[in-house]
Amino acid sequence: MYELVAAALAQQDYRRAAQLLKQWHQAAPGDPLVLLYAAKLQEATLKLDAAEKNYLKLLKQATHPKLMRQAREGLNRVQQARAAQLAEAPKAVRHSTSPDDLGLLILEPPPEPNRETAAQGLAQVLKLDLYTARMQLPTRSLRLQRVGDLTAIQAWGRALREVQTPAFWASVADLRAIQVFQICYFQQLGTQPVIVCKNSAGQLGTIAFAWAEVSQRLSGQVPFFEQVADIGPWGKPLHKEKTQDYVQLLDLHLEKRQIILRLCDRTYLYAKAATPVPTAQNGNRLNLKLSSRIQWNYLLQHIHQTVMTPLHTDFTPFGTGALEFFKILPSIEAHLSISRRASSEWDQAFQLYSGLLFLKHMNLR
């Protein structure tokens, strides 16, 4: 059988080789040659991680000198191929043109006992000095580390994982493919809530779902800027933007439906919502701003008491770092209908963070 598999590999007929390997494994599951040729097929199809694992496994199991030599040679080829990918990565980043071909490299906070090992791995792979690597390694939130050609980003990500530096990657195309619906209001609450929402085109519709479908929650806030008048040098009037308030956001991820439901305190229609309206203890009528704030807090309390899935609250440190990359990132739709004088990159950063968490959690399933 190995002669047929070897012939298929030589002819680059990888589909035929895979079929033959499957038959061979079923007939002789313990044959070490099956493992060798499976690794060769994975190497030929650039599945370097899988090939390396099988070559290493074969080295531990094999006793025949010729078989051990072939496994060692294969392992060297895989490691050289990966080194070549990393060497070409900076060139690939410079020549990447299509937004859909771009990828994002994300660092995750390592467990405290493994932090020094992770920092050393980061320094090794990205060619940083150890002090810089320690400073760039996140402590509690995700960190957007690099943007570039997806193939190069994947090579960096795999190399980081091999040296025990927690990292993952995502393509701009996958981020853009996530559907986001802005919740206008809850038409009904309970175990089977119904929302009135709008899609990215602004079309209204309703979605019914169960709270059990919510795989994770993401809470955060983005600054709201307003033009203010100030006194500049020599008493001259000066107009500049200042943060006057913060917009509160909550995302509900429904992974099985491949959608994100987004709540915003500025756009939620409290008058139409099913949420009960609290009243003041003294019976006086609350002003509109205070009433909206209380209703918002009441709604969040209800959701958080009902949904027990993970709640992420570390958007701000991610957003602060991600803003540095927006000059080279392609446009990311914020999926927020906030009335602003000018668009804010903070809105896009929130969408980016939510999308990354969505894709990361999906890939863990």
Protein backbone atom coordinates (compact mmCIF):
# COMPACT_ATOMS: atom_id res chain seq x y z
CA MET A 1 0.00 0.00 0.00
CA TYR A 2 2.82 2.42 0.82
CA GLU A 3 4.00 2.25 -2.83
CA LEU A 4 0.59 3.46 -4.03
CA VAL A 5 0.56 6.28 -1.48
CA ALA A 6 4.13 7.28 -2.36
CA ALA A 7 3.22 7.32 -6.07
CA ALA A 8 0.18 9.53 -5.40
CA LEU A 9 2.31 11.95 -3.39
CA ALA A 10 4.94 12.07 -6.14
CA GLN A 11 2.21 12.92 -8.67
CA GLN A 12 0.80 15.56 -6.26
CA ASP A 13 -2.54 13.72 -6.32
CA TYR A 14 -3.26 14.54 -2.69
CA ARG A 15 -6.91 13.53 -2.78
CA ARG A 16 -5.95 10.05 -4.00
CA ALA A 17 -3.20 9.85 -1.35
CA ALA A 18 -5.68 10.76 1.39
CA GLN A 19 -8.15 8.09 0.22
CA LEU A 20 -5.43 5.42 0.14
CA LEU A 21 -4.16 6.42 3.58
CA LYS A 22 -7.64 6.07 5.00
CA GLN A 23 -7.95 2.54 3.60
CA TRP A 24 -4.44 1.70 4.82
CA HIS A 25 -5.17 2.94 8.33
CA GLN A 26 -8.36 0.87 8.51
CA ALA A 27 -6.48 -2.25 7.41
CA ALA A 28 -3.38 -1.72 9.57
CA PRO A 29 -4.00 0.97 12.22
CA GLY A 30 -0.77 0.20 14.10
CA ASP A 31 1.59 0.35 11.12
CA PRO A 32 4.15 3.16 11.74
CA LEU A 33 4.45 3.68 7.98
CA VAL A 34 0.86 4.96 7.98
CA LEU A 35 1.92 7.69 10.40
CA LEU A 36 4.97 8.54 8.29
CA TYR A 37 3.01 8.93 5.06
CA ALA A 38 0.22 10.82 6.82
CA ALA A 39 2.86 13.31 7.98
CA LYS A 40 4.27 13.51 4.46
CA LEU A 41 0.82 14.27 3.05
CA GLN A 42 0.25 16.98 5.68
CA GLU A 43 3.68 18.44 4.93
CA ALA A 44 2.93 18.50 1.20
CA THR A 45 -0.41 20.27 1.76
CA LEU A 46 1.25 22.82 4.12
CA LYS A 47 -0.50 21.54 7.26
CA LEU A 48 2.75 22.08 9.10
CA ASP A 49 1.40 21.85 12.66
CA ALA A 50 -0.22 18.46 12.04
CA ALA A 51 2.83 17.18 10.14
CA GLU A 52 5.17 18.20 12.95
CA LYS A 53 3.03 16.43 15.55
CA ASN A 54 3.01 13.21 13.54
CA TYR A 55 6.76 13.30 12.88
CA LEU A 56 7.39 13.81 16.60
CA LYS A 57 4.98 11.01 17.45
CA LEU A 58 6.76 8.70 15.03
CA LEU A 59 10.16 9.55 16.54
CA LYS A 60 8.87 8.47 19.96
CA GLN A 61 7.35 5.23 18.67
CA ALA A 62 9.71 4.06 15.93
CA THR A 63 12.57 1.65 16.59
CA HIS A 64 13.78 1.03 13.02
CA PRO A 65 16.76 3.31 12.17
CA LYS A 66 15.55 4.04 8.62
CA LEU A 67 12.10 5.04 9.83
CA MET A 68 13.58 7.25 12.55
CA ARG A 69 15.84 8.92 10.00
CA GLN A 70 12.92 9.70 7.67
CA ALA A 71 10.91 11.12 10.59
CA ARG A 72 13.87 13.28 11.64
CA GLU A 73 14.36 14.55 8.08
CA GLY A 74 10.65 15.33 7.78
CA LEU A 75 10.70 17.23 11.08
CA ASN A 76 13.65 19.31 9.87
CA ARG A 77 11.85 20.13 6.61
CA VAL A 78 8.74 21.26 8.49
CA GLN A 79 10.76 23.49 10.81
CA GLN A 80 12.64 25.00 7.88
CA ALA A 81 9.36 25.65 6.05
CA ARG A 82 7.96 27.43 9.08
CA ALA A 83 11.12 29.52 9.45
CA ALA A 84 10.83 30.50 5.78
CA GLN A 85 7.20 31.56 6.32
CA LEU A 86 8.22 33.78 9.22
CA ALA A 87 11.07 35.28 7.21
CA GLU A 88 8.67 36.14 4.40
CA ALA A 89 6.01 37.51 6.74
CA PRO A 90 7.22 41.15 6.79
CA LYS A 91 7.39 41.19 2.97
CA ALA A 92 3.88 39.78 2.75
CA VAL A 93 2.59 42.49 5.07
CA ARG A 94 4.06 45.22 2.86
CA HIS A 95 2.58 43.80 -0.34
CA SER A 96 -0.90 42.96 0.95
CA THR A 97 -3.50 44.99 -0.97
CA SER A 98 -6.96 43.43 -0.66
CA PRO A 99 -8.75 44.19 2.66
CA ASP A 100 -10.25 40.69 2.68
CA ASP A 101 -6.72 39.22 2.57
CA LEU A 102 -5.74 41.06 5.74
CA GLY A 103 -5.48 39.37 9.10
CA LEU A 104 -5.18 40.55 12.71
CA LEU A 105 -2.80 39.01 15.21
CA ILE A 106 -4.20 39.10 18.75
CA LEU A 107 -2.32 38.49 22.00
CA GLU A 108 -4.17 37.05 24.99
CA PRO A 109 -3.25 37.57 28.65
CA PRO A 110 -1.21 34.55 29.80
CA PRO A 111 -1.71 33.01 33.25
CA GLU A 112 0.55 34.79 35.74
CA PRO A 113 2.82 31.74 36.36
CA ASN A 114 3.45 31.49 32.59
CA ARG A 115 3.94 35.20 31.96
CA GLU A 116 7.75 35.16 31.72
CA THR A 117 7.71 32.18 29.35
CA ALA A 118 5.11 33.93 27.18
CA ALA A 119 7.19 37.13 27.11
CA GLN A 120 10.29 35.20 26.05
CA GLY A 121 8.28 33.51 23.28
CA LEU A 122 6.93 36.86 22.06
CA ALA A 123 10.45 38.30 21.98
CA GLN A 124 11.75 35.28 20.07
CA VAL A 125 9.04 35.16 17.39
CA LEU A 126 8.58 38.89 16.76
CA LYS A 127 12.27 39.75 17.18
CA LEU A 128 11.76 42.07 20.15
CA ASP A 129 13.98 42.70 23.13
CA LEU A 130 12.69 41.00 26.26
CA TYR A 131 11.80 44.28 28.04
CA THR A 132 9.62 45.41 25.12
CA ALA A 133 7.98 41.98 24.93
CA ARG A 134 7.11 42.12 28.62
CA MET A 135 5.55 45.56 28.18
CA GLN A 136 3.50 44.51 25.13
CA LEU A 137 2.15 41.33 26.69
CA PRO A 138 -1.41 42.10 27.91
CA THR A 139 -2.38 41.55 31.53
CA ARG A 140 -6.20 41.44 31.46
CA SER A 141 -7.55 42.20 27.99
CA LEU A 142 -6.88 41.18 24.41
CA ARG A 143 -4.24 43.20 22.55
CA LEU A 144 -4.21 43.87 18.82
CA GLN A 145 -0.53 43.23 18.03
CA ARG A 146 -0.19 43.30 14.25
CA VAL A 147 -2.19 43.79 11.05
CA GLY A 148 -1.02 42.34 7.76
CA ASP A 149 -1.31 39.65 5.13
CA LEU A 150 -3.39 36.79 6.51
CA THR A 151 -0.83 34.11 5.61
CA ALA A 152 1.89 35.98 7.46
CA ILE A 153 -0.37 36.62 10.44
CA GLN A 154 -1.22 32.90 10.66
CA ALA A 155 2.47 32.01 10.56
CA TRP A 156 3.22 34.38 13.43
CA GLY A 157 0.23 33.10 15.40
CA ARG A 158 1.23 29.45 15.07
CA ALA A 159 4.82 30.25 15.99
CA LEU A 160 3.66 32.12 19.11
CA ARG A 161 1.50 29.21 20.21
CA GLU A 162 4.42 26.82 19.83
CA VAL A 163 6.49 28.88 22.29
CA GLN A 164 3.56 29.04 24.76
CA THR A 165 2.56 32.64 24.05
CA PRO A 166 -1.28 32.77 23.96
CA ALA A 167 -2.39 34.22 20.62
CA PHE A 168 -5.00 33.84 17.92
CA TRP A 169 -5.78 35.47 14.61
CA ALA A 170 -8.79 36.52 12.55
CA SER A 171 -9.34 37.71 9.00
CA VAL A 172 -11.00 40.98 8.12
CA ALA A 173 -13.33 38.99 5.84
CA ASP A 174 -14.58 36.87 8.77
CA LEU A 175 -15.06 39.95 10.94
CA ARG A 176 -17.12 41.63 8.23
CA ALA A 177 -19.24 38.51 7.74
CA ILE A 178 -20.71 38.65 11.28
CA GLN A 179 -24.27 39.96 11.25
CA VAL A 180 -25.04 42.63 13.85
CA PHE A 181 -28.58 43.72 14.76
CA GLN A 182 -29.16 46.89 16.77
CA ILE A 183 -31.87 46.36 19.36
CA CYS A 184 -34.48 49.15 19.26
CA TYR A 185 -36.41 47.74 22.20
CA PHE A 186 -37.63 44.55 23.84
CA GLN A 187 -41.16 43.86 22.70
CA GLN A 188 -41.46 41.19 25.34
CA LEU A 189 -39.24 39.81 28.08
CA GLY A 190 -39.41 36.50 29.93
CA THR A 191 -37.79 33.21 29.00
CA GLN A 192 -38.49 33.79 25.27
CA PRO A 193 -37.73 37.48 24.66
CA VAL A 194 -38.73 39.22 21.44
CA ILE A 195 -36.84 42.24 20.19
CA VAL A 196 -37.56 44.87 17.57
CA CYS A 197 -34.26 45.57 15.83
CA LYS A 198 -32.70 46.87 12.64
CA ASN A 199 -30.04 45.39 10.41
CA SER A 200 -27.04 47.08 8.82
CA ALA A 201 -29.29 48.47 6.06
CA GLY A 202 -31.58 50.12 8.64
CA GLN A 203 -34.49 47.74 7.97
CA LEU A 204 -36.73 47.00 10.96
CA GLY A 205 -37.71 43.49 12.00
CA THR A 206 -38.31 41.25 15.01
CA ILE A 207 -36.22 38.42 16.41
CA ALA A 208 -37.38 35.92 19.02
CA PHE A 209 -34.75 33.97 20.92
CA ALA A 210 -34.15 32.17 24.20
CA TRP A 211 -31.78 33.52 26.85
CA ALA A 212 -30.06 30.12 26.77
CA GLU A 213 -28.89 30.92 23.22
CA VAL A 214 -26.67 33.75 24.47
CA SER A 215 -23.14 32.31 24.43
CA GLN A 216 -21.40 35.36 25.92
CA ARG A 217 -21.97 39.02 26.80
CA LEU A 218 -19.77 42.05 26.18
CA SER A 219 -20.26 45.28 28.15
CA GLY A 220 -18.40 48.50 27.39
CA GLN A 221 -18.60 52.21 26.86
CA VAL A 222 -17.42 54.57 24.14
CA PRO A 223 -16.78 58.30 24.63
CA PHE A 224 -19.24 60.88 23.35
CA PHE A 225 -17.48 63.99 22.06
CA GLU A 226 -18.93 67.48 21.76
CA GLN A 227 -17.55 70.78 20.51
CA VAL A 228 -16.88 73.14 23.42
CA ALA A 229 -15.68 76.73 23.53
CA ASP A 230 -12.57 77.53 25.50
CA ILE A 231 -10.12 80.38 25.89
CA GLY A 232 -6.83 79.86 24.11
CA PRO A 233 -3.53 81.78 24.25
CA TRP A 234 -3.85 85.55 24.52
CA GLY A 235 -7.54 85.23 25.29
CA LYS A 236 -8.52 84.04 21.84
CA PRO A 237 -11.64 81.81 21.61
CA LEU A 238 -10.82 78.19 20.93
CA HIS A 239 -13.17 75.42 19.83
CA LYS A 240 -12.16 71.84 20.54
CA GLU A 241 -13.63 68.40 21.12
CA LYS A 242 -14.01 67.14 24.67
CA THR A 243 -15.48 63.98 26.11
CA GLN A 244 -18.79 65.07 27.59
CA ASP A 245 -20.28 61.67 28.36
CA TYR A 246 -20.02 57.95 27.64
CA VAL A 247 -22.33 55.78 25.55
CA GLN A 248 -23.16 52.46 27.27
CA LEU A 249 -23.19 49.31 25.13
CA LEU A 250 -24.03 45.66 25.66
CA ASP A 251 -23.57 42.92 23.06
CA LEU A 252 -25.30 39.53 23.23
CA HIS A 253 -23.62 36.85 21.11
CA LEU A 254 -25.86 34.20 19.56
CA GLU A 255 -23.21 31.97 18.01
CA LYS A 256 -25.49 29.23 16.70
CA ARG A 257 -27.34 31.86 14.69
CA GLN A 258 -24.09 33.63 13.74
CA ILE A 259 -25.40 37.00 14.95
CA ILE A 260 -24.68 39.70 17.53
CA LEU A 261 -27.48 41.66 19.20
CA ARG A 262 -26.39 45.15 20.28
CA LEU A 263 -27.98 47.30 22.99
CA CYS A 264 -27.16 51.00 23.27
CA ASP A 265 -28.46 53.31 26.00
CA ARG A 266 -28.62 56.28 23.59
CA THR A 267 -30.76 54.59 20.94
CA TYR A 268 -32.96 52.30 23.07
CA LEU A 269 -36.66 53.26 22.77
CA TYR A 270 -37.69 53.18 26.41
CA ALA A 271 -41.23 54.42 25.73
CA LYS A 272 -42.02 51.40 23.56
CA ALA A 273 -40.12 48.81 25.58
CA ALA A 274 -41.61 46.05 27.68
CA THR A 275 -39.19 46.89 30.49
CA PRO A 276 -41.12 48.13 33.57
CA VAL A 277 -40.50 51.77 34.38
CA PRO A 278 -39.29 52.39 37.95
CA THR A 279 -40.90 55.23 39.86
CA ALA A 280 -39.34 57.60 42.35
CA GLN A 281 -39.83 56.73 46.02
CA ASN A 282 -41.38 60.11 46.77
CA GLY A 283 -43.87 59.72 43.93
CA ASN A 284 -42.51 62.67 41.98
CA ARG A 285 -42.16 62.33 38.25
CA LEU A 286 -38.57 61.66 37.22
CA ASN A 287 -37.01 63.83 34.54
CA LEU A 288 -36.41 62.17 31.16
CA LYS A 289 -32.63 61.75 31.47
CA LEU A 290 -32.79 60.23 34.94
CA SER A 291 -35.72 58.05 33.95
CA SER A 292 -33.83 56.67 30.93
CA ARG A 293 -30.76 55.96 33.02
CA ILE A 294 -32.75 54.09 35.65
CA GLN A 295 -34.57 52.07 32.98
CA TRP A 296 -31.25 51.21 31.33
CA ASN A 297 -29.75 50.03 34.61
CA TYR A 298 -32.89 48.05 35.36
CA LEU A 299 -32.72 46.35 31.95
CA LEU A 300 -29.03 45.44 32.40
CA GLN A 301 -29.72 44.07 35.86
CA HIS A 302 -32.50 41.89 34.46
CA ILE A 303 -30.27 40.53 31.66
CA HIS A 304 -27.27 39.85 33.90
CA GLN A 305 -29.43 38.06 36.46
CA THR A 306 -31.01 35.92 33.73
CA VAL A 307 -27.97 35.10 31.57
CA MET A 308 -25.11 33.28 33.29
CA THR A 309 -22.72 33.00 30.31
CA PRO A 310 -19.34 34.82 30.37
CA LEU A 311 -19.41 38.62 30.69
CA HIS A 312 -16.48 40.55 29.19
CA THR A 313 -15.88 44.03 30.59
CA ASP A 314 -12.32 44.78 29.44
CA PHE A 315 -13.05 46.68 26.24
CA THR A 316 -11.40 50.01 27.17
CA PRO A 317 -7.76 48.79 27.38
CA PHE A 318 -8.20 46.90 24.10
CA GLY A 319 -9.76 49.93 22.42
CA THR A 320 -7.00 52.26 23.57
CA GLY A 321 -4.37 50.07 21.90
CA ALA A 322 -6.45 49.25 18.81
CA LEU A 323 -6.92 52.93 17.89
CA GLU A 324 -3.25 53.04 16.85
CA PHE A 325 -4.01 50.58 14.02
CA PHE A 326 -7.01 52.30 12.46
CA LYS A 327 -4.86 54.21 9.99
CA ILE A 328 -3.90 50.93 8.31
CA LEU A 329 -7.06 48.93 9.03
CA PRO A 330 -9.77 48.85 6.34
CA SER A 331 -13.11 50.40 7.21
CA ILE A 332 -15.06 48.44 9.82
CA GLU A 333 -18.77 49.19 10.11
CA ALA A 334 -19.56 50.22 13.68
CA HIS A 335 -23.23 49.08 13.61
CA LEU A 336 -24.19 52.00 15.86
CA SER A 337 -26.73 54.70 15.07
CA ILE A 338 -25.46 57.31 17.50
CA SER A 339 -26.00 60.91 16.42
CA ARG A 340 -22.50 62.40 16.24
CA ARG A 341 -20.96 65.43 14.55
CA ALA A 342 -18.30 63.11 13.14
CA SER A 343 -17.75 59.36 13.20
CA SER A 344 -15.64 58.01 16.05
CA GLU A 345 -13.05 55.26 15.78
CA TRP A 346 -14.07 54.19 19.29
CA ASP A 347 -17.35 52.90 17.82
CA GLN A 348 -15.40 50.81 15.29
CA ALA A 349 -13.07 49.58 18.04
CA PHE A 350 -16.03 48.24 20.01
CA GLN A 351 -17.29 46.38 16.94
CA LEU A 352 -13.78 44.99 16.37
CA TYR A 353 -13.47 43.77 19.96
CA SER A 354 -16.89 42.16 19.96
CA GLY A 355 -16.21 40.50 16.61
CA LEU A 356 -12.85 39.12 17.76
CA LEU A 357 -14.39 37.63 20.91
CA PHE A 358 -17.20 36.18 18.80
CA LEU A 359 -14.78 34.44 16.39
CA LYS A 360 -12.44 33.31 19.19
CA HIS A 361 -15.26 31.68 21.16
CA MET A 362 -16.62 30.03 18.00
CA ASN A 363 -13.23 28.48 17.21
CA LEU A 364 -13.07 26.95 20.71
CA ARG A 365 -16.22 24.93 20.17
